[in-house]
Amino acid sequence: MKIDWKQKLCSRKFWAAIAGFVTALLVAFNVDELTIEQVVALITAVSSLIAFIIGEGLTDAARARHEGKGGGGLEK
């Protein structure tokens, strides 16, 4: 079974699971709360950026496919 990484990296559930797992590890290793908050904030920021980049890439690819089939574009 092949994993669709584009879909996973755009999934809010995936990133919530990652943040939850990392938070639990940091608590288990007795890391201070400020550091935990900073790590979770970093995971959230990176996940938002990755999802945006992949989402825009998929949108651009779909637009290019549509325009390549004669759709879209300005008529002269």
PDB file of N, CA and C in Angstrom:
ATOM      1  N   MET A   1       0.840  -1.173   0.000  1.00  0.00           N
ATOM      2  CA  MET A   1       0.000   0.000   0.000  1.00  0.00           C
ATOM      3  C   MET A   1       0.894   1.250   0.000  1.00  0.00           C
ATOM      4  N   LYS A   2       0.671   2.105  -0.959  1.00  0.00           N
ATOM      5  CA  LYS A   2       1.484   3.313  -1.101  1.00  0.00           C
ATOM      6  C   LYS A   2       0.824   4.481  -0.353  1.00  0.00           C
ATOM      7  N   ILE A   3       1.629   5.259   0.352  1.00  0.00           N
ATOM      8  CA  ILE A   3       1.124   6.412   1.105  1.00  0.00           C
ATOM      9  C   ILE A   3       1.107   7.640   0.196  1.00  0.00           C
ATOM     10  N   ASP A   4      -0.016   8.341   0.174  1.00  0.00           N
ATOM     11  CA  ASP A   4      -0.145   9.573  -0.597  1.00  0.00           C
ATOM     12  C   ASP A   4       0.345  10.736   0.281  1.00  0.00           C
ATOM     13  N   TRP A   5       1.633  11.071   0.169  1.00  0.00           N
ATOM     14  CA  TRP A   5       2.235  12.079   1.044  1.00  0.00           C
ATOM     15  C   TRP A   5       1.669  13.468   0.815  1.00  0.00           C
ATOM     16  N   LYS A   6       1.263  13.781  -0.419  1.00  0.00           N
ATOM     17  CA  LYS A   6       0.654  15.092  -0.671  1.00  0.00           C
ATOM     18  C   LYS A   6      -0.598  15.255   0.171  1.00  0.00           C
ATOM     19  N   GLN A   7      -1.413  14.226   0.183  1.00  0.00           N
ATOM     20  CA  GLN A   7      -2.655  14.274   0.955  1.00  0.00           C
ATOM     21  C   GLN A   7      -2.355  14.333   2.448  1.00  0.00           C
ATOM     22  N   LYS A   8      -1.419  13.520   2.907  1.00  0.00           N
ATOM     23  CA  LYS A   8      -1.073  13.507   4.333  1.00  0.00           C
ATOM     24  C   LYS A   8      -0.542  14.857   4.797  1.00  0.00           C
ATOM     25  N   LEU A   9       0.359  15.454   4.018  1.00  0.00           N
ATOM     26  CA  LEU A   9       0.961  16.719   4.429  1.00  0.00           C
ATOM     27  C   LEU A   9      -0.026  17.877   4.403  1.00  0.00           C
ATOM     28  N   CYS A  10      -1.123  17.737   3.687  1.00  0.00           N
ATOM     29  CA  CYS A  10      -2.160  18.773   3.656  1.00  0.00           C
ATOM     30  C   CYS A  10      -3.246  18.524   4.697  1.00  0.00           C
ATOM     31  N   SER A  11      -3.168  17.431   5.410  1.00  0.00           N
ATOM     32  CA  SER A  11      -4.209  17.043   6.352  1.00  0.00           C
ATOM     33  C   SER A  11      -4.021  17.704   7.716  1.00  0.00           C
ATOM     34  N   ARG A  12      -5.054  18.389   8.180  1.00  0.00           N
ATOM     35  CA  ARG A  12      -5.002  18.993   9.526  1.00  0.00           C
ATOM     36  C   ARG A  12      -4.949  17.906  10.591  1.00  0.00           C
ATOM     37  N   LYS A  13      -5.628  16.784  10.353  1.00  0.00           N
ATOM     38  CA  LYS A  13      -5.613  15.678  11.313  1.00  0.00           C
ATOM     39  C   LYS A  13      -4.203  15.121  11.486  1.00  0.00           C
ATOM     40  N   PHE A  14      -3.476  14.998  10.378  1.00  0.00           N
ATOM     41  CA  PHE A  14      -2.098  14.504  10.429  1.00  0.00           C
ATOM     42  C   PHE A  14      -1.236  15.413  11.296  1.00  0.00           C
ATOM     43  N   TRP A  15      -1.312  16.732  11.058  1.00  0.00           N
ATOM     44  CA  TRP A  15      -0.494  17.665  11.808  1.00  0.00           C
ATOM     45  C   TRP A  15      -0.927  17.764  13.270  1.00  0.00           C
ATOM     46  N   ALA A  16      -2.222  17.615  13.544  1.00  0.00           N
ATOM     47  CA  ALA A  16      -2.686  17.589  14.936  1.00  0.00           C
ATOM     48  C   ALA A  16      -2.127  16.353  15.650  1.00  0.00           C
ATOM     49  N   ALA A  17      -2.083  15.231  14.940  1.00  0.00           N
ATOM     50  CA  ALA A  17      -1.514  14.012  15.514  1.00  0.00           C
ATOM     51  C   ALA A  17      -0.024  14.179  15.786  1.00  0.00           C
ATOM     52  N   ILE A  18       0.689  14.802  14.851  1.00  0.00           N
ATOM     53  CA  ILE A  18       2.129  15.045  15.043  1.00  0.00           C
ATOM     54  C   ILE A  18       2.349  15.950  16.257  1.00  0.00           C
ATOM     55  N   ALA A  19       1.588  17.049  16.323  1.00  0.00           N
ATOM     56  CA  ALA A  19       1.728  17.990  17.457  1.00  0.00           C
ATOM     57  C   ALA A  19       1.405  17.291  18.772  1.00  0.00           C
ATOM     58  N   GLY A  20       0.354  16.473  18.783  1.00  0.00           N
ATOM     59  CA  GLY A  20      -0.013  15.754  19.997  1.00  0.00           C
ATOM     60  C   GLY A  20       1.053  14.759  20.424  1.00  0.00           C
ATOM     61  N   PHE A  21       1.605  14.043  19.459  1.00  0.00           N
ATOM     62  CA  PHE A  21       2.649  13.064  19.764  1.00  0.00           C
ATOM     63  C   PHE A  21       3.903  13.742  20.312  1.00  0.00           C
ATOM     64  N   VAL A  22       4.336  14.815  19.638  1.00  0.00           N
ATOM     65  CA  VAL A  22       5.540  15.531  20.081  1.00  0.00           C
ATOM     66  C   VAL A  22       5.313  16.152  21.459  1.00  0.00           C
ATOM     67  N   THR A  23       4.124  16.714  21.677  1.00  0.00           N
ATOM     68  CA  THR A  23       3.811  17.301  22.988  1.00  0.00           C
ATOM     69  C   THR A  23       3.889  16.242  24.084  1.00  0.00           C
ATOM     70  N   ALA A  24       3.304  15.070  23.822  1.00  0.00           N
ATOM     71  CA  ALA A  24       3.340  13.998  24.818  1.00  0.00           C
ATOM     72  C   ALA A  24       4.769  13.564  25.119  1.00  0.00           C
ATOM     73  N   LEU A  25       5.596  13.482  24.068  1.00  0.00           N
ATOM     74  CA  LEU A  25       7.009  13.128  24.293  1.00  0.00           C
ATOM     75  C   LEU A  25       7.724  14.172  25.150  1.00  0.00           C
ATOM     76  N   LEU A  26       7.488  15.433  24.845  1.00  0.00           N
ATOM     77  CA  LEU A  26       8.148  16.497  25.604  1.00  0.00           C
ATOM     78  C   LEU A  26       7.704  16.499  27.064  1.00  0.00           C
ATOM     79  N   VAL A  27       6.426  16.251  27.301  1.00  0.00           N
ATOM     80  CA  VAL A  27       5.928  16.167  28.682  1.00  0.00           C
ATOM     81  C   VAL A  27       6.552  14.967  29.380  1.00  0.00           C
ATOM     82  N   ALA A  28       6.633  13.835  28.679  1.00  0.00           N
ATOM     83  CA  ALA A  28       7.203  12.617  29.263  1.00  0.00           C
ATOM     84  C   ALA A  28       8.662  12.811  29.654  1.00  0.00           C
ATOM     85  N   PHE A  29       9.375  13.631  28.874  1.00  0.00           N
ATOM     86  CA  PHE A  29      10.780  13.891  29.181  1.00  0.00           C
ATOM     87  C   PHE A  29      10.964  15.125  30.051  1.00  0.00           C
ATOM     88  N   ASN A  30       9.866  15.600  30.640  1.00  0.00           N
ATOM     89  CA  ASN A  30       9.885  16.693  31.618  1.00  0.00           C
ATOM     90  C   ASN A  30      10.489  17.986  31.055  1.00  0.00           C
ATOM     91  N   VAL A  31      10.139  18.323  29.835  1.00  0.00           N
ATOM     92  CA  VAL A  31      10.583  19.571  29.208  1.00  0.00           C
ATOM     93  C   VAL A  31       9.699  20.698  29.746  1.00  0.00           C
ATOM     94  N   ASP A  32      10.279  21.872  29.944  1.00  0.00           N
ATOM     95  CA  ASP A  32       9.501  22.978  30.522  1.00  0.00           C
ATOM     96  C   ASP A  32       8.392  23.429  29.560  1.00  0.00           C
ATOM     97  N   GLU A  33       7.344  24.027  30.143  1.00  0.00           N
ATOM     98  CA  GLU A  33       6.141  24.383  29.380  1.00  0.00           C
ATOM     99  C   GLU A  33       6.409  25.395  28.266  1.00  0.00           C
ATOM    100  N   LEU A  34       7.283  26.349  28.493  1.00  0.00           N
ATOM    101  CA  LEU A  34       7.580  27.351  27.480  1.00  0.00           C
ATOM    102  C   LEU A  34       8.170  26.691  26.230  1.00  0.00           C
ATOM    103  N   THR A  35       9.074  25.762  26.430  1.00  0.00           N
ATOM    104  CA  THR A  35       9.676  25.050  25.299  1.00  0.00           C
ATOM    105  C   THR A  35       8.620  24.233  24.558  1.00  0.00           C
ATOM    106  N   ILE A  36       7.733  23.581  25.298  1.00  0.00           N
ATOM    107  CA  ILE A  36       6.664  22.803  24.668  1.00  0.00           C
ATOM    108  C   ILE A  36       5.790  23.716  23.812  1.00  0.00           C
ATOM    109  N   GLU A  37       5.415  24.867  24.335  1.00  0.00           N
ATOM    110  CA  GLU A  37       4.593  25.817  23.584  1.00  0.00           C
ATOM    111  C   GLU A  37       5.302  26.281  22.318  1.00  0.00           C
ATOM    112  N   GLN A  38       6.606  26.530  22.424  1.00  0.00           N
ATOM    113  CA  GLN A  38       7.368  26.974  21.256  1.00  0.00           C
ATOM    114  C   GLN A  38       7.449  25.880  20.197  1.00  0.00           C
ATOM    115  N   VAL A  39       7.645  24.641  20.609  1.00  0.00           N
ATOM    116  CA  VAL A  39       7.726  23.526  19.666  1.00  0.00           C
ATOM    117  C   VAL A  39       6.388  23.328  18.958  1.00  0.00           C
ATOM    118  N   VAL A  40       5.296  23.366  19.718  1.00  0.00           N
ATOM    119  CA  VAL A  40       3.965  23.200  19.116  1.00  0.00           C
ATOM    120  C   VAL A  40       3.672  24.347  18.151  1.00  0.00           C
ATOM    121  N   ALA A  41       4.057  25.568  18.521  1.00  0.00           N
ATOM    122  CA  ALA A  41       3.871  26.713  17.621  1.00  0.00           C
ATOM    123  C   ALA A  41       4.673  26.528  16.340  1.00  0.00           C
ATOM    124  N   LEU A  42       5.877  26.029  16.452  1.00  0.00           N
ATOM    125  CA  LEU A  42       6.713  25.781  15.275  1.00  0.00           C
ATOM    126  C   LEU A  42       6.097  24.705  14.379  1.00  0.00           C
ATOM    127  N   ILE A  43       5.607  23.628  14.965  1.00  0.00           N
ATOM    128  CA  ILE A  43       4.955  22.567  14.184  1.00  0.00           C
ATOM    129  C   ILE A  43       3.737  23.131  13.459  1.00  0.00           C
ATOM    130  N   THR A  44       2.952  23.942  14.150  1.00  0.00           N
ATOM    131  CA  THR A  44       1.763  24.537  13.546  1.00  0.00           C
ATOM    132  C   THR A  44       2.132  25.452  12.387  1.00  0.00           C
ATOM    133  N   ALA A  45       3.144  26.277  12.572  1.00  0.00           N
ATOM    134  CA  ALA A  45       3.565  27.197  11.513  1.00  0.00           C
ATOM    135  C   ALA A  45       4.087  26.441  10.292  1.00  0.00           C
ATOM    136  N   VAL A  46       4.915  25.447  10.518  1.00  0.00           N
ATOM    137  CA  VAL A  46       5.484  24.671   9.417  1.00  0.00           C
ATOM    138  C   VAL A  46       4.390  23.899   8.681  1.00  0.00           C
ATOM    139  N   SER A  47       3.458  23.318   9.436  1.00  0.00           N
ATOM    140  CA  SER A  47       2.383  22.555   8.791  1.00  0.00           C
ATOM    141  C   SER A  47       1.499  23.455   7.941  1.00  0.00           C
ATOM    142  N   SER A  48       1.228  24.669   8.415  1.00  0.00           N
ATOM    143  CA  SER A  48       0.428  25.609   7.616  1.00  0.00           C
ATOM    144  C   SER A  48       1.147  25.972   6.324  1.00  0.00           C
ATOM    145  N   LEU A  49       2.423  26.214   6.417  1.00  0.00           N
ATOM    146  CA  LEU A  49       3.213  26.571   5.245  1.00  0.00           C
ATOM    147  C   LEU A  49       3.265  25.416   4.237  1.00  0.00           C
ATOM    148  N   ILE A  50       3.508  24.216   4.712  1.00  0.00           N
ATOM    149  CA  ILE A  50       3.575  23.058   3.830  1.00  0.00           C
ATOM    150  C   ILE A  50       2.232  22.821   3.138  1.00  0.00           C
ATOM    151  N   ALA A  51       1.148  22.891   3.912  1.00  0.00           N
ATOM    152  CA  ALA A  51      -0.181  22.678   3.322  1.00  0.00           C
ATOM    153  C   ALA A  51      -0.484  23.739   2.272  1.00  0.00           C
ATOM    154  N   PHE A  52      -0.108  24.985   2.534  1.00  0.00           N
ATOM    155  CA  PHE A  52      -0.345  26.059   1.573  1.00  0.00           C
ATOM    156  C   PHE A  52       0.449  25.825   0.286  1.00  0.00           C
ATOM    157  N   ILE A  53       1.716  25.498   0.414  1.00  0.00           N
ATOM    158  CA  ILE A  53       2.572  25.290  -0.757  1.00  0.00           C
ATOM    159  C   ILE A  53       2.054  24.126  -1.603  1.00  0.00           C
ATOM    160  N   ILE A  54       1.733  23.012  -0.968  1.00  0.00           N
ATOM    161  CA  ILE A  54       1.237  21.862  -1.721  1.00  0.00           C
ATOM    162  C   ILE A  54      -0.120  22.177  -2.339  1.00  0.00           C
ATOM    163  N   GLY A  55      -0.993  22.815  -1.585  1.00  0.00           N
ATOM    164  CA  GLY A  55      -2.304  23.177  -2.112  1.00  0.00           C
ATOM    165  C   GLY A  55      -2.214  24.090  -3.316  1.00  0.00           C
ATOM    166  N   GLU A  56      -1.360  25.091  -3.242  1.00  0.00           N
ATOM    167  CA  GLU A  56      -1.172  25.999  -4.378  1.00  0.00           C
ATOM    168  C   GLU A  56      -0.558  25.281  -5.573  1.00  0.00           C
ATOM    169  N   GLY A  57       0.361  24.376  -5.312  1.00  0.00           N
ATOM    170  CA  GLY A  57       0.969  23.603  -6.388  1.00  0.00           C
ATOM    171  C   GLY A  57      -0.060  22.741  -7.104  1.00  0.00           C
ATOM    172  N   LEU A  58      -0.942  22.095  -6.343  1.00  0.00           N
ATOM    173  CA  LEU A  58      -1.991  21.283  -6.950  1.00  0.00           C
ATOM    174  C   LEU A  58      -2.967  22.141  -7.748  1.00  0.00           C
ATOM    175  N   THR A  59      -3.290  23.318  -7.224  1.00  0.00           N
ATOM    176  CA  THR A  59      -4.178  24.237  -7.932  1.00  0.00           C
ATOM    177  C   THR A  59      -3.546  24.707  -9.233  1.00  0.00           C
ATOM    178  N   ASP A  60      -2.278  25.079  -9.180  1.00  0.00           N
ATOM    179  CA  ASP A  60      -1.571  25.517 -10.391  1.00  0.00           C
ATOM    180  C   ASP A  60      -1.489  24.402 -11.423  1.00  0.00           C
ATOM    181  N   ALA A  61      -1.229  23.173 -10.961  1.00  0.00           N
ATOM    182  CA  ALA A  61      -1.140  22.035 -11.884  1.00  0.00           C
ATOM    183  C   ALA A  61      -2.491  21.778 -12.543  1.00  0.00           C
ATOM    184  N   ALA A  62      -3.569  21.858 -11.779  1.00  0.00           N
ATOM    185  CA  ALA A  62      -4.905  21.643 -12.346  1.00  0.00           C
ATOM    186  C   ALA A  62      -5.234  22.736 -13.357  1.00  0.00           C
ATOM    187  N   ARG A  63      -4.863  23.975 -13.037  1.00  0.00           N
ATOM    188  CA  ARG A  63      -5.110  25.087 -13.953  1.00  0.00           C
ATOM    189  C   ARG A  63      -4.329  24.890 -15.251  1.00  0.00           C
ATOM    190  N   ALA A  64      -3.076  24.460 -15.142  1.00  0.00           N
ATOM    191  CA  ALA A  64      -2.244  24.242 -16.328  1.00  0.00           C
ATOM    192  C   ALA A  64      -2.819  23.115 -17.191  1.00  0.00           C
ATOM    193  N   ARG A  65      -3.308  22.045 -16.562  1.00  0.00           N
ATOM    194  CA  ARG A  65      -3.931  20.959 -17.321  1.00  0.00           C
ATOM    195  C   ARG A  65      -5.178  21.452 -18.037  1.00  0.00           C
ATOM    196  N   HIS A  66      -5.975  22.259 -17.354  1.00  0.00           N
ATOM    197  CA  HIS A  66      -7.222  22.772 -17.944  1.00  0.00           C
ATOM    198  C   HIS A  66      -6.920  23.702 -19.109  1.00  0.00           C
ATOM    199  N   GLU A  67      -5.948  24.578 -18.945  1.00  0.00           N
ATOM    200  CA  GLU A  67      -5.586  25.508 -20.018  1.00  0.00           C
ATOM    201  C   GLU A  67      -4.942  24.778 -21.189  1.00  0.00           C
ATOM    202  N   GLY A  68      -4.266  23.698 -20.935  1.00  0.00           N
ATOM    203  CA  GLY A  68      -3.640  22.917 -21.987  1.00  0.00           C
ATOM    204  C   GLY A  68      -4.655  22.181 -22.848  1.00  0.00           C
ATOM    205  N   LYS A  69      -5.848  22.001 -22.343  1.00  0.00           N
ATOM    206  CA  LYS A  69      -6.911  21.314 -23.092  1.00  0.00           C
ATOM    207  C   LYS A  69      -7.790  22.293 -23.854  1.00  0.00           C
ATOM    208  N   GLY A  70      -7.363  23.533 -23.941  1.00  0.00           N
ATOM    209  CA  GLY A  70      -8.129  24.524 -24.703  1.00  0.00           C
ATOM    210  C   GLY A  70      -9.094  25.334 -23.871  1.00  0.00           C
ATOM    211  N   GLY A  71      -9.170  25.062 -22.584  1.00  0.00           N
ATOM    212  CA  GLY A  71     -10.069  25.825 -21.713  1.00  0.00           C
ATOM    213  C   GLY A  71      -9.334  27.019 -21.140  1.00  0.00           C
ATOM    214  N   GLY A  72     -10.035  28.009 -20.703  1.00  0.00           N
ATOM    215  CA  GLY A  72      -9.427  29.178 -20.079  1.00  0.00           C
ATOM    216  C   GLY A  72      -8.665  30.014 -21.086  1.00  0.00           C
ATOM    217  N   GLY A  73      -7.980  30.965 -20.631  1.00  0.00           N
ATOM    218  CA  GLY A  73      -7.200  31.818 -21.528  1.00  0.00           C
ATOM    219  C   GLY A  73      -8.057  32.874 -22.182  1.00  0.00           C
ATOM    220  N   LEU A  74      -7.428  33.881 -22.697  1.00  0.00           N
ATOM    221  CA  LEU A  74      -8.141  34.974 -23.349  1.00  0.00           C
ATOM    222  C   LEU A  74      -8.231  34.732 -24.839  1.00  0.00           C
ATOM    223  N   GLU A  75      -9.374  35.004 -25.395  1.00  0.00           N
ATOM    224  CA  GLU A  75      -9.570  34.866 -26.839  1.00  0.00           C
ATOM    225  C   GLU A  75      -9.106  36.130 -27.535  1.00  0.00           C
ATOM    226  N   LYS A  76      -8.473  35.991 -28.688  1.00  0.00           N
ATOM    227  CA  LYS A  76      -8.002  37.161 -29.435  1.00  0.00           C
ATOM    228  C   LYS A  76      -8.857  37.390 -30.633  1.00  0.00           C
TER     229      LYS A  76
END
